Amino acid sequence: MTATYDINTDIGKIRLLIGDTILTPAPHFTDEELQVFLTLEGSVNLAAAAALEAWAASFSESATSETIGDYSYSKKSVQNKLELAQKLRDKENNTPAMGWSEMDLETFGENTGEGLET
């Protein structure tokens, strides 16, 4: 199992989006695990969302808050990861599959001889 962090790769981009960039002593996900998310989901944003959801699920057994004497704190890791996952899914769903283009009527047919005849 390998773990690399190169933002020029899709695996590196997923690591950056989910905050899994510290590789020592060990990252949360291996490259192979992130590749599975990428293969299943089909895009970097959706793979990152799936990884965040899996990461959040790994916290489901732990308490949501802890009290030590007079000191207490709440763990919002699960909520934060799920909120970021939803933002990434929304971003992916709101990105058009292709951009609009306009036909250039001034040069239409110039190279092919087709177009409006005079």
PDB file of N, CA and C in Angstrom:
ATOM      1  N   MET A   1       0.838  -1.175   0.000  1.00  0.00           N
ATOM      2  CA  MET A   1       0.000   0.000   0.000  1.00  0.00           C
ATOM      3  C   MET A   1       0.889   1.245   0.000  1.00  0.00           C
ATOM      4  N   THR A   2       0.598   2.133  -0.926  1.00  0.00           N
ATOM      5  CA  THR A   2       1.423   3.329  -1.052  1.00  0.00           C
ATOM      6  C   THR A   2       0.630   4.570  -0.662  1.00  0.00           C
ATOM      7  N   ALA A   3       1.374   5.613  -0.370  1.00  0.00           N
ATOM      8  CA  ALA A   3       0.775   6.908  -0.067  1.00  0.00           C
ATOM      9  C   ALA A   3       1.680   7.990  -0.617  1.00  0.00           C
ATOM     10  N   THR A   4       1.173   8.714  -1.596  1.00  0.00           N
ATOM     11  CA  THR A   4       1.939   9.799  -2.203  1.00  0.00           C
ATOM     12  C   THR A   4       1.092  11.065  -2.170  1.00  0.00           C
ATOM     13  N   TYR A   5       1.776  12.191  -2.279  1.00  0.00           N
ATOM     14  CA  TYR A   5       1.060  13.469  -2.331  1.00  0.00           C
ATOM     15  C   TYR A   5       1.701  14.342  -3.402  1.00  0.00           C
ATOM     16  N   ASP A   6       1.092  14.328  -4.568  1.00  0.00           N
ATOM     17  CA  ASP A   6       1.539  15.126  -5.703  1.00  0.00           C
ATOM     18  C   ASP A   6       0.286  15.770  -6.292  1.00  0.00           C
ATOM     19  N   ILE A   7       0.149  17.076  -6.130  1.00  0.00           N
ATOM     20  CA  ILE A   7      -1.091  17.734  -6.565  1.00  0.00           C
ATOM     21  C   ILE A   7      -1.257  17.789  -8.080  1.00  0.00           C
ATOM     22  N   ASN A   8      -0.295  17.287  -8.812  1.00  0.00           N
ATOM     23  CA  ASN A   8      -0.433  17.194 -10.260  1.00  0.00           C
ATOM     24  C   ASN A   8      -1.165  15.924 -10.678  1.00  0.00           C
ATOM     25  N   THR A   9      -1.466  15.055  -9.708  1.00  0.00           N
ATOM     26  CA  THR A   9      -2.201  13.823  -9.992  1.00  0.00           C
ATOM     27  C   THR A   9      -3.597  13.917  -9.396  1.00  0.00           C
ATOM     28  N   ASP A  10      -4.520  13.104  -9.892  1.00  0.00           N
ATOM     29  CA  ASP A  10      -5.872  13.090  -9.329  1.00  0.00           C
ATOM     30  C   ASP A  10      -5.863  12.639  -7.871  1.00  0.00           C
ATOM     31  N   ILE A  11      -5.019  11.678  -7.532  1.00  0.00           N
ATOM     32  CA  ILE A  11      -4.917  11.209  -6.147  1.00  0.00           C
ATOM     33  C   ILE A  11      -4.465  12.360  -5.246  1.00  0.00           C
ATOM     34  N   GLY A  12      -3.492  13.115  -5.696  1.00  0.00           N
ATOM     35  CA  GLY A  12      -3.005  14.272  -4.939  1.00  0.00           C
ATOM     36  C   GLY A  12      -4.071  15.332  -4.777  1.00  0.00           C
ATOM     37  N   LYS A  13      -4.868  15.553  -5.823  1.00  0.00           N
ATOM     38  CA  LYS A  13      -5.955  16.535  -5.738  1.00  0.00           C
ATOM     39  C   LYS A  13      -7.011  16.085  -4.739  1.00  0.00           C
ATOM     40  N   ILE A  14      -7.314  14.797  -4.728  1.00  0.00           N
ATOM     41  CA  ILE A  14      -8.277  14.268  -3.755  1.00  0.00           C
ATOM     42  C   ILE A  14      -7.723  14.461  -2.345  1.00  0.00           C
ATOM     43  N   ARG A  15      -6.444  14.128  -2.139  1.00  0.00           N
ATOM     44  CA  ARG A  15      -5.830  14.321  -0.823  1.00  0.00           C
ATOM     45  C   ARG A  15      -5.939  15.777  -0.378  1.00  0.00           C
ATOM     46  N   LEU A  16      -5.670  16.705  -1.282  1.00  0.00           N
ATOM     47  CA  LEU A  16      -5.751  18.127  -0.958  1.00  0.00           C
ATOM     48  C   LEU A  16      -7.174  18.508  -0.554  1.00  0.00           C
ATOM     49  N   LEU A  17      -8.167  18.067  -1.309  1.00  0.00           N
ATOM     50  CA  LEU A  17      -9.560  18.416  -1.024  1.00  0.00           C
ATOM     51  C   LEU A  17     -10.046  17.865   0.315  1.00  0.00           C
ATOM     52  N   ILE A  18      -9.572  16.683   0.694  1.00  0.00           N
ATOM     53  CA  ILE A  18     -10.071  16.072   1.929  1.00  0.00           C
ATOM     54  C   ILE A  18      -9.166  16.344   3.130  1.00  0.00           C
ATOM     55  N   GLY A  19      -8.029  16.996   2.912  1.00  0.00           N
ATOM     56  CA  GLY A  19      -7.133  17.313   4.017  1.00  0.00           C
ATOM     57  C   GLY A  19      -6.315  16.133   4.498  1.00  0.00           C
ATOM     58  N   ASP A  20      -6.069  15.177   3.636  1.00  0.00           N
ATOM     59  CA  ASP A  20      -5.280  13.993   3.981  1.00  0.00           C
ATOM     60  C   ASP A  20      -3.891  14.131   3.372  1.00  0.00           C
ATOM     61  N   THR A  21      -3.197  15.210   3.738  1.00  0.00           N
ATOM     62  CA  THR A  21      -1.924  15.540   3.092  1.00  0.00           C
ATOM     63  C   THR A  21      -0.704  15.211   3.937  1.00  0.00           C
ATOM     64  N   ILE A  22      -0.897  14.867   5.196  1.00  0.00           N
ATOM     65  CA  ILE A  22       0.229  14.514   6.055  1.00  0.00           C
ATOM     66  C   ILE A  22       0.419  13.007   5.969  1.00  0.00           C
ATOM     67  N   LEU A  23       1.506  12.588   5.363  1.00  0.00           N
ATOM     68  CA  LEU A  23       1.709  11.180   5.066  1.00  0.00           C
ATOM     69  C   LEU A  23       2.473  10.419   6.146  1.00  0.00           C
ATOM     70  N   THR A  24       3.038  11.136   7.120  1.00  0.00           N
ATOM     71  CA  THR A  24       3.752  10.435   8.187  1.00  0.00           C
ATOM     72  C   THR A  24       3.135  10.798   9.526  1.00  0.00           C
ATOM     73  N   PRO A  25       2.869   9.886  10.401  1.00  0.00           N
ATOM     74  CA  PRO A  25       3.271   8.492  10.309  1.00  0.00           C
ATOM     75  C   PRO A  25       2.466   7.701   9.289  1.00  0.00           C
ATOM     76  N   ALA A  26       1.195   8.044   9.089  1.00  0.00           N
ATOM     77  CA  ALA A  26       0.404   7.351   8.056  1.00  0.00           C
ATOM     78  C   ALA A  26      -0.797   8.218   7.692  1.00  0.00           C
ATOM     79  N   PRO A  27      -1.120   8.309   6.400  1.00  0.00           N
ATOM     80  CA  PRO A  27      -2.316   9.052   5.997  1.00  0.00           C
ATOM     81  C   PRO A  27      -3.564   8.242   6.347  1.00  0.00           C
ATOM     82  N   HIS A  28      -4.701   8.873   6.258  1.00  0.00           N
ATOM     83  CA  HIS A  28      -5.930   8.131   6.530  1.00  0.00           C
ATOM     84  C   HIS A  28      -6.209   7.127   5.414  1.00  0.00           C
ATOM     85  N   PHE A  29      -5.955   7.525   4.165  1.00  0.00           N
ATOM     86  CA  PHE A  29      -6.216   6.660   3.009  1.00  0.00           C
ATOM     87  C   PHE A  29      -4.925   6.360   2.259  1.00  0.00           C
ATOM     88  N   THR A  30      -4.827   5.173   1.695  1.00  0.00           N
ATOM     89  CA  THR A  30      -3.719   4.844   0.796  1.00  0.00           C
ATOM     90  C   THR A  30      -4.092   5.340  -0.607  1.00  0.00           C
ATOM     91  N   ASP A  31      -3.108   5.403  -1.478  1.00  0.00           N
ATOM     92  CA  ASP A  31      -3.370   5.775  -2.872  1.00  0.00           C
ATOM     93  C   ASP A  31      -4.356   4.812  -3.517  1.00  0.00           C
ATOM     94  N   GLU A  32      -4.211   3.534  -3.191  1.00  0.00           N
ATOM     95  CA  GLU A  32      -5.081   2.518  -3.780  1.00  0.00           C
ATOM     96  C   GLU A  32      -6.539   2.725  -3.350  1.00  0.00           C
ATOM     97  N   GLU A  33      -6.745   3.090  -2.098  1.00  0.00           N
ATOM     98  CA  GLU A  33      -8.117   3.351  -1.625  1.00  0.00           C
ATOM     99  C   GLU A  33      -8.706   4.575  -2.323  1.00  0.00           C
ATOM    100  N   LEU A  34      -7.909   5.623  -2.467  1.00  0.00           N
ATOM    101  CA  LEU A  34      -8.395   6.817  -3.160  1.00  0.00           C
ATOM    102  C   LEU A  34      -8.681   6.517  -4.631  1.00  0.00           C
ATOM    103  N   GLN A  35      -7.880   5.649  -5.234  1.00  0.00           N
ATOM    104  CA  GLN A  35      -8.125   5.256  -6.625  1.00  0.00           C
ATOM    105  C   GLN A  35      -9.458   4.532  -6.757  1.00  0.00           C
ATOM    106  N   VAL A  36      -9.823   3.722  -5.771  1.00  0.00           N
ATOM    107  CA  VAL A  36     -11.123   3.041  -5.800  1.00  0.00           C
ATOM    108  C   VAL A  36     -12.256   4.071  -5.781  1.00  0.00           C
ATOM    109  N   PHE A  37     -12.153   5.081  -4.906  1.00  0.00           N
ATOM    110  CA  PHE A  37     -13.172   6.131  -4.879  1.00  0.00           C
ATOM    111  C   PHE A  37     -13.254   6.830  -6.232  1.00  0.00           C
ATOM    112  N   LEU A  38     -12.103   7.117  -6.827  1.00  0.00           N
ATOM    113  CA  LEU A  38     -12.070   7.788  -8.132  1.00  0.00           C
ATOM    114  C   LEU A  38     -12.700   6.926  -9.211  1.00  0.00           C
ATOM    115  N   THR A  39     -12.413   5.642  -9.195  1.00  0.00           N
ATOM    116  CA  THR A  39     -12.986   4.721 -10.182  1.00  0.00           C
ATOM    117  C   THR A  39     -14.501   4.606  -9.998  1.00  0.00           C
ATOM    118  N   LEU A  40     -14.949   4.491  -8.765  1.00  0.00           N
ATOM    119  CA  LEU A  40     -16.385   4.349  -8.490  1.00  0.00           C
ATOM    120  C   LEU A  40     -17.169   5.619  -8.802  1.00  0.00           C
ATOM    121  N   GLU A  41     -16.590   6.767  -8.463  1.00  0.00           N
ATOM    122  CA  GLU A  41     -17.329   8.034  -8.579  1.00  0.00           C
ATOM    123  C   GLU A  41     -17.120   8.746  -9.910  1.00  0.00           C
ATOM    124  N   GLY A  42     -15.967   8.574 -10.534  1.00  0.00           N
ATOM    125  CA  GLY A  42     -15.747   9.126 -11.867  1.00  0.00           C
ATOM    126  C   GLY A  42     -15.201  10.534 -11.952  1.00  0.00           C
ATOM    127  N   SER A  43     -15.058  11.237 -10.827  1.00  0.00           N
ATOM    128  CA  SER A  43     -14.472  12.576 -10.865  1.00  0.00           C
ATOM    129  C   SER A  43     -13.750  12.841  -9.554  1.00  0.00           C
ATOM    130  N   VAL A  44     -12.836  13.797  -9.580  1.00  0.00           N
ATOM    131  CA  VAL A  44     -12.062  14.137  -8.386  1.00  0.00           C
ATOM    132  C   VAL A  44     -12.980  14.634  -7.277  1.00  0.00           C
ATOM    133  N   ASN A  45     -13.917  15.541  -7.590  1.00  0.00           N
ATOM    134  CA  ASN A  45     -14.809  16.080  -6.559  1.00  0.00           C
ATOM    135  C   ASN A  45     -15.675  15.000  -5.933  1.00  0.00           C
ATOM    136  N   LEU A  46     -16.244  14.137  -6.748  1.00  0.00           N
ATOM    137  CA  LEU A  46     -17.106  13.085  -6.212  1.00  0.00           C
ATOM    138  C   LEU A  46     -16.298  12.039  -5.458  1.00  0.00           C
ATOM    139  N   ALA A  47     -15.090  11.758  -5.912  1.00  0.00           N
ATOM    140  CA  ALA A  47     -14.222  10.821  -5.193  1.00  0.00           C
ATOM    141  C   ALA A  47     -13.847  11.400  -3.830  1.00  0.00           C
ATOM    142  N   ALA A  48     -13.561  12.702  -3.797  1.00  0.00           N
ATOM    143  CA  ALA A  48     -13.238  13.356  -2.523  1.00  0.00           C
ATOM    144  C   ALA A  48     -14.443  13.312  -1.584  1.00  0.00           C
ATOM    145  N   ALA A  49     -15.638  13.537  -2.128  1.00  0.00           N
ATOM    146  CA  ALA A  49     -16.854  13.478  -1.305  1.00  0.00           C
ATOM    147  C   ALA A  49     -17.039  12.080  -0.725  1.00  0.00           C
ATOM    148  N   ALA A  50     -16.849  11.063  -1.528  1.00  0.00           N
ATOM    149  CA  ALA A  50     -16.994   9.685  -1.051  1.00  0.00           C
ATOM    150  C   ALA A  50     -15.946   9.362   0.012  1.00  0.00           C
ATOM    151  N   ALA A  51     -14.729   9.839  -0.184  1.00  0.00           N
ATOM    152  CA  ALA A  51     -13.672   9.609   0.805  1.00  0.00           C
ATOM    153  C   ALA A  51     -14.016  10.297   2.126  1.00  0.00           C
ATOM    154  N   LEU A  52     -14.524  11.519   2.054  1.00  0.00           N
ATOM    155  CA  LEU A  52     -14.922  12.227   3.272  1.00  0.00           C
ATOM    156  C   LEU A  52     -16.054  11.503   3.993  1.00  0.00           C
ATOM    157  N   GLU A  53     -16.987  10.978   3.238  1.00  0.00           N
ATOM    158  CA  GLU A  53     -18.104  10.236   3.848  1.00  0.00           C
ATOM    159  C   GLU A  53     -17.597   8.958   4.518  1.00  0.00           C
ATOM    160  N   ALA A  54     -16.661   8.270   3.878  1.00  0.00           N
ATOM    161  CA  ALA A  54     -16.082   7.067   4.480  1.00  0.00           C
ATOM    162  C   ALA A  54     -15.281   7.415   5.730  1.00  0.00           C
ATOM    163  N   TRP A  55     -14.559   8.525   5.660  1.00  0.00           N
ATOM    164  CA  TRP A  55     -13.765   8.975   6.808  1.00  0.00           C
ATOM    165  C   TRP A  55     -14.694   9.318   7.962  1.00  0.00           C
ATOM    166  N   ALA A  56     -15.780  10.023   7.675  1.00  0.00           N
ATOM    167  CA  ALA A  56     -16.757  10.381   8.712  1.00  0.00           C
ATOM    168  C   ALA A  56     -17.370   9.125   9.321  1.00  0.00           C
ATOM    169  N   ALA A  57     -17.630   8.129   8.496  1.00  0.00           N
ATOM    170  CA  ALA A  57     -18.216   6.885   8.993  1.00  0.00           C
ATOM    171  C   ALA A  57     -17.277   6.176   9.965  1.00  0.00           C
ATOM    172  N   SER A  58     -15.982   6.357   9.775  1.00  0.00           N
ATOM    173  CA  SER A  58     -15.026   5.712  10.678  1.00  0.00           C
ATOM    174  C   SER A  58     -15.074   6.313  12.081  1.00  0.00           C
ATOM    175  N   PHE A  59     -15.646   7.507  12.220  1.00  0.00           N
ATOM    176  CA  PHE A  59     -15.796   8.152  13.519  1.00  0.00           C
ATOM    177  C   PHE A  59     -17.118   7.804  14.194  1.00  0.00           C
ATOM    178  N   SER A  60     -17.971   7.084  13.514  1.00  0.00           N
ATOM    179  CA  SER A  60     -19.330   6.874  14.030  1.00  0.00           C
ATOM    180  C   SER A  60     -19.364   6.147  15.372  1.00  0.00           C
ATOM    181  N   GLU A  61     -18.345   5.383  15.683  1.00  0.00           N
ATOM    182  CA  GLU A  61     -18.306   4.656  16.954  1.00  0.00           C
ATOM    183  C   GLU A  61     -17.803   5.524  18.105  1.00  0.00           C
ATOM    184  N   SER A  62     -17.142   6.623  17.804  1.00  0.00           N
ATOM    185  CA  SER A  62     -16.581   7.439  18.876  1.00  0.00           C
ATOM    186  C   SER A  62     -17.611   8.442  19.388  1.00  0.00           C
ATOM    187  N   ALA A  63     -17.387   8.898  20.592  1.00  0.00           N
ATOM    188  CA  ALA A  63     -18.312   9.850  21.212  1.00  0.00           C
ATOM    189  C   ALA A  63     -18.281  11.180  20.470  1.00  0.00           C
ATOM    190  N   THR A  64     -19.390  11.915  20.531  1.00  0.00           N
ATOM    191  CA  THR A  64     -19.443  13.210  19.870  1.00  0.00           C
ATOM    192  C   THR A  64     -18.924  14.320  20.760  1.00  0.00           C
ATOM    193  N   SER A  65     -18.778  14.056  22.051  1.00  0.00           N
ATOM    194  CA  SER A  65     -18.198  15.039  22.959  1.00  0.00           C
ATOM    195  C   SER A  65     -17.468  14.312  24.076  1.00  0.00           C
ATOM    196  N   GLU A  66     -16.590  15.040  24.732  1.00  0.00           N
ATOM    197  CA  GLU A  66     -15.805  14.441  25.799  1.00  0.00           C
ATOM    198  C   GLU A  66     -15.639  15.457  26.914  1.00  0.00           C
ATOM    199  N   THR A  67     -15.696  14.970  28.136  1.00  0.00           N
ATOM    200  CA  THR A  67     -15.504  15.825  29.300  1.00  0.00           C
ATOM    201  C   THR A  67     -14.386  15.246  30.145  1.00  0.00           C
ATOM    202  N   ILE A  68     -13.429  16.098  30.471  1.00  0.00           N
ATOM    203  CA  ILE A  68     -12.317  15.704  31.335  1.00  0.00           C
ATOM    204  C   ILE A  68     -12.282  16.726  32.466  1.00  0.00           C
ATOM    205  N   GLY A  69     -12.768  16.334  33.641  1.00  0.00           N
ATOM    206  CA  GLY A  69     -12.848  17.267  34.765  1.00  0.00           C
ATOM    207  C   GLY A  69     -13.803  18.398  34.424  1.00  0.00           C
ATOM    208  N   ASP A  70     -13.340  19.608  34.547  1.00  0.00           N
ATOM    209  CA  ASP A  70     -14.166  20.783  34.219  1.00  0.00           C
ATOM    210  C   ASP A  70     -14.065  21.165  32.748  1.00  0.00           C
ATOM    211  N   TYR A  71     -13.218  20.472  32.012  1.00  0.00           N
ATOM    212  CA  TYR A  71     -12.992  20.796  30.603  1.00  0.00           C
ATOM    213  C   TYR A  71     -13.814  19.868  29.713  1.00  0.00           C
ATOM    214  N   SER A  72     -14.523  20.435  28.752  1.00  0.00           N
ATOM    215  CA  SER A  72     -15.260  19.606  27.793  1.00  0.00           C
ATOM    216  C   SER A  72     -15.130  20.217  26.400  1.00  0.00           C
ATOM    217  N   TYR A  73     -15.268  19.369  25.417  1.00  0.00           N
ATOM    218  CA  TYR A  73     -15.237  19.830  24.033  1.00  0.00           C
ATOM    219  C   TYR A  73     -16.086  18.889  23.192  1.00  0.00           C
ATOM    220  N   SER A  74     -16.523  19.387  22.035  1.00  0.00           N
ATOM    221  CA  SER A  74     -17.303  18.538  21.133  1.00  0.00           C
ATOM    222  C   SER A  74     -16.477  18.244  19.890  1.00  0.00           C
ATOM    223  N   LYS A  75     -16.684  17.077  19.364  1.00  0.00           N
ATOM    224  CA  LYS A  75     -15.977  16.667  18.148  1.00  0.00           C
ATOM    225  C   LYS A  75     -16.898  16.932  16.971  1.00  0.00           C
ATOM    226  N   LYS A  76     -16.498  17.825  16.119  1.00  0.00           N
ATOM    227  CA  LYS A  76     -17.311  18.145  14.951  1.00  0.00           C
ATOM    228  C   LYS A  76     -16.703  17.583  13.676  1.00  0.00           C
ATOM    229  N   SER A  77     -15.777  16.663  13.833  1.00  0.00           N
ATOM    230  CA  SER A  77     -15.108  16.096  12.664  1.00  0.00           C
ATOM    231  C   SER A  77     -16.099  15.458  11.706  1.00  0.00           C
ATOM    232  N   VAL A  78     -17.019  14.674  12.237  1.00  0.00           N
ATOM    233  CA  VAL A  78     -17.991  13.990  11.386  1.00  0.00           C
ATOM    234  C   VAL A  78     -18.849  15.008  10.652  1.00  0.00           C
ATOM    235  N   GLN A  79     -19.403  15.954  11.382  1.00  0.00           N
ATOM    236  CA  GLN A  79     -20.264  16.978  10.771  1.00  0.00           C
ATOM    237  C   GLN A  79     -19.504  17.789   9.727  1.00  0.00           C
ATOM    238  N   ASN A  80     -18.287  18.198  10.057  1.00  0.00           N
ATOM    239  CA  ASN A  80     -17.490  18.998   9.117  1.00  0.00           C
ATOM    240  C   ASN A  80     -17.170  18.217   7.840  1.00  0.00           C
ATOM    241  N   LYS A  81     -16.816  16.952   7.984  1.00  0.00           N
ATOM    242  CA  LYS A  81     -16.494  16.131   6.807  1.00  0.00           C
ATOM    243  C   LYS A  81     -17.726  15.916   5.930  1.00  0.00           C
ATOM    244  N   LEU A  82     -18.873  15.678   6.571  1.00  0.00           N
ATOM    245  CA  LEU A  82     -20.101  15.464   5.793  1.00  0.00           C
ATOM    246  C   LEU A  82     -20.558  16.754   5.107  1.00  0.00           C
ATOM    247  N   GLU A  83     -20.383  17.890   5.760  1.00  0.00           N
ATOM    248  CA  GLU A  83     -20.741  19.169   5.131  1.00  0.00           C
ATOM    249  C   GLU A  83     -19.847  19.449   3.928  1.00  0.00           C
ATOM    250  N   LEU A  84     -18.545  19.191   4.062  1.00  0.00           N
ATOM    251  CA  LEU A  84     -17.628  19.396   2.931  1.00  0.00           C
ATOM    252  C   LEU A  84     -17.952  18.431   1.798  1.00  0.00           C
ATOM    253  N   ALA A  85     -18.282  17.184   2.146  1.00  0.00           N
ATOM    254  CA  ALA A  85     -18.658  16.211   1.114  1.00  0.00           C
ATOM    255  C   ALA A  85     -19.870  16.703   0.337  1.00  0.00           C
ATOM    256  N   GLN A  86     -20.857  17.255   1.031  1.00  0.00           N
ATOM    257  CA  GLN A  86     -22.057  17.759   0.353  1.00  0.00           C
ATOM    258  C   GLN A  86     -21.719  18.949  -0.544  1.00  0.00           C
ATOM    259  N   LYS A  87     -20.831  19.828  -0.086  1.00  0.00           N
ATOM    260  CA  LYS A  87     -20.413  20.966  -0.911  1.00  0.00           C
ATOM    261  C   LYS A  87     -19.734  20.483  -2.198  1.00  0.00           C
ATOM    262  N   LEU A  88     -18.896  19.457  -2.075  1.00  0.00           N
ATOM    263  CA  LEU A  88     -18.217  18.929  -3.268  1.00  0.00           C
ATOM    264  C   LEU A  88     -19.221  18.274  -4.216  1.00  0.00           C
ATOM    265  N   ARG A  89     -20.202  17.553  -3.670  1.00  0.00           N
ATOM    266  CA  ARG A  89     -21.232  16.952  -4.523  1.00  0.00           C
ATOM    267  C   ARG A  89     -22.069  18.034  -5.210  1.00  0.00           C
ATOM    268  N   ASP A  90     -22.428  19.081  -4.458  1.00  0.00           N
ATOM    269  CA  ASP A  90     -23.196  20.189  -5.043  1.00  0.00           C
ATOM    270  C   ASP A  90     -22.401  20.876  -6.151  1.00  0.00           C
ATOM    271  N   LYS A  91     -21.111  21.083  -5.906  1.00  0.00           N
ATOM    272  CA  LYS A  91     -20.253  21.714  -6.923  1.00  0.00           C
ATOM    273  C   LYS A  91     -20.233  20.881  -8.195  1.00  0.00           C
ATOM    274  N   GLU A  92     -20.097  19.568  -8.034  1.00  0.00           N
ATOM    275  CA  GLU A  92     -20.068  18.671  -9.191  1.00  0.00           C
ATOM    276  C   GLU A  92     -21.405  18.682  -9.922  1.00  0.00           C
ATOM    277  N   ASN A  93     -22.488  18.658  -9.172  1.00  0.00           N
ATOM    278  CA  ASN A  93     -23.823  18.612  -9.781  1.00  0.00           C
ATOM    279  C   ASN A  93     -24.216  19.922 -10.443  1.00  0.00           C
ATOM    280  N   ASN A  94     -23.602  21.031 -10.035  1.00  0.00           N
ATOM    281  CA  ASN A  94     -23.939  22.328 -10.604  1.00  0.00           C
ATOM    282  C   ASN A  94     -22.975  22.765 -11.699  1.00  0.00           C
ATOM    283  N   THR A  95     -22.028  21.921 -12.038  1.00  0.00           N
ATOM    284  CA  THR A  95     -21.084  22.218 -13.115  1.00  0.00           C
ATOM    285  C   THR A  95     -21.647  21.663 -14.414  1.00  0.00           C
ATOM    286  N   PRO A  96     -21.840  22.500 -15.416  1.00  0.00           N
ATOM    287  CA  PRO A  96     -22.382  21.990 -16.679  1.00  0.00           C
ATOM    288  C   PRO A  96     -21.426  21.007 -17.352  1.00  0.00           C
ATOM    289  N   ALA A  97     -22.008  20.043 -18.030  1.00  0.00           N
ATOM    290  CA  ALA A  97     -21.204  19.027 -18.717  1.00  0.00           C
ATOM    291  C   ALA A  97     -20.405  19.650 -19.851  1.00  0.00           C
ATOM    292  N   MET A  98     -20.945  20.673 -20.474  1.00  0.00           N
ATOM    293  CA  MET A  98     -20.227  21.369 -21.540  1.00  0.00           C
ATOM    294  C   MET A  98     -20.648  22.835 -21.526  1.00  0.00           C
ATOM    295  N   GLY A  99     -19.780  23.662 -22.005  1.00  0.00           N
ATOM    296  CA  GLY A  99     -20.068  25.084 -22.048  1.00  0.00           C
ATOM    297  C   GLY A  99     -20.863  25.454 -23.286  1.00  0.00           C
ATOM    298  N   TRP A 100     -21.478  26.584 -23.232  1.00  0.00           N
ATOM    299  CA  TRP A 100     -22.203  27.100 -24.391  1.00  0.00           C
ATOM    300  C   TRP A 100     -21.214  27.656 -25.391  1.00  0.00           C
ATOM    301  N   SER A 101     -21.561  27.568 -26.641  1.00  0.00           N
ATOM    302  CA  SER A 101     -20.722  28.180 -27.665  1.00  0.00           C
ATOM    303  C   SER A 101     -21.619  28.953 -28.613  1.00  0.00           C
ATOM    304  N   GLU A 102     -21.010  29.885 -29.283  1.00  0.00           N
ATOM    305  CA  GLU A 102     -21.752  30.681 -30.253  1.00  0.00           C
ATOM    306  C   GLU A 102     -21.165  30.426 -31.632  1.00  0.00           C
ATOM    307  N   MET A 103     -22.029  30.371 -32.603  1.00  0.00           N
ATOM    308  CA  MET A 103     -21.576  30.197 -33.970  1.00  0.00           C
ATOM    309  C   MET A 103     -21.098  31.543 -34.500  1.00  0.00           C
ATOM    310  N   ASP A 104     -19.951  31.529 -35.117  1.00  0.00           N
ATOM    311  CA  ASP A 104     -19.401  32.737 -35.711  1.00  0.00           C
ATOM    312  C   ASP A 104     -19.949  32.848 -37.127  1.00  0.00           C
ATOM    313  N   LEU A 105     -20.990  33.638 -37.281  1.00  0.00           N
ATOM    314  CA  LEU A 105     -21.652  33.755 -38.580  1.00  0.00           C
ATOM    315  C   LEU A 105     -20.838  34.558 -39.593  1.00  0.00           C
ATOM    316  N   GLU A 106     -19.900  35.361 -39.099  1.00  0.00           N
ATOM    317  CA  GLU A 106     -19.086  36.159 -40.013  1.00  0.00           C
ATOM    318  C   GLU A 106     -18.118  35.281 -40.799  1.00  0.00           C
ATOM    319  N   THR A 107     -17.595  34.238 -40.180  1.00  0.00           N
ATOM    320  CA  THR A 107     -16.624  33.400 -40.871  1.00  0.00           C
ATOM    321  C   THR A 107     -17.224  32.067 -41.292  1.00  0.00           C
ATOM    322  N   PHE A 108     -18.508  31.876 -41.092  1.00  0.00           N
ATOM    323  CA  PHE A 108     -19.169  30.629 -41.448  1.00  0.00           C
ATOM    324  C   PHE A 108     -18.975  30.341 -42.933  1.00  0.00           C
ATOM    325  N   GLY A 109     -18.387  29.222 -43.255  1.00  0.00           N
ATOM    326  CA  GLY A 109     -18.235  28.811 -44.647  1.00  0.00           C
ATOM    327  C   GLY A 109     -17.019  29.387 -45.348  1.00  0.00           C
ATOM    328  N   GLU A 110     -16.201  30.200 -44.695  1.00  0.00           N
ATOM    329  CA  GLU A 110     -15.055  30.809 -45.362  1.00  0.00           C
ATOM    330  C   GLU A 110     -14.061  29.749 -45.857  1.00  0.00           C
ATOM    331  N   ASN A 111     -13.795  28.750 -45.063  1.00  0.00           N
ATOM    332  CA  ASN A 111     -12.786  27.760 -45.418  1.00  0.00           C
ATOM    333  C   ASN A 111     -13.335  26.635 -46.286  1.00  0.00           C
ATOM    334  N   THR A 112     -14.631  26.447 -46.259  1.00  0.00           N
ATOM    335  CA  THR A 112     -15.199  25.305 -46.976  1.00  0.00           C
ATOM    336  C   THR A 112     -15.973  25.723 -48.217  1.00  0.00           C
ATOM    337  N   GLY A 113     -16.215  26.995 -48.339  1.00  0.00           N
ATOM    338  CA  GLY A 113     -17.007  27.450 -49.479  1.00  0.00           C
ATOM    339  C   GLY A 113     -18.490  27.285 -49.236  1.00  0.00           C
ATOM    340  N   GLU A 114     -18.864  26.794 -48.050  1.00  0.00           N
ATOM    341  CA  GLU A 114     -20.270  26.637 -47.721  1.00  0.00           C
ATOM    342  C   GLU A 114     -20.760  27.908 -47.034  1.00  0.00           C
ATOM    343  N   GLY A 115     -22.023  28.008 -46.905  1.00  0.00           N
ATOM    344  CA  GLY A 115     -22.580  29.151 -46.206  1.00  0.00           C
ATOM    345  C   GLY A 115     -23.507  29.934 -47.121  1.00  0.00           C
ATOM    346  N   LEU A 116     -23.614  31.169 -46.802  1.00  0.00           N
ATOM    347  CA  LEU A 116     -24.522  32.022 -47.561  1.00  0.00           C
ATOM    348  C   LEU A 116     -23.926  32.356 -48.913  1.00  0.00           C
ATOM    349  N   GLU A 117     -24.697  32.196 -49.959  1.00  0.00           N
ATOM    350  CA  GLU A 117     -24.247  32.506 -51.315  1.00  0.00           C
ATOM    351  C   GLU A 117     -24.605  33.964 -51.611  1.00  0.00           C
ATOM    352  N   THR A 118     -23.761  34.642 -52.394  1.00  0.00           N
ATOM    353  CA  THR A 118     -24.061  36.020 -52.785  1.00  0.00           C
ATOM    354  C   THR A 118     -24.420  36.110 -54.225  1.00  0.00           C
TER     355      THR A 118
END
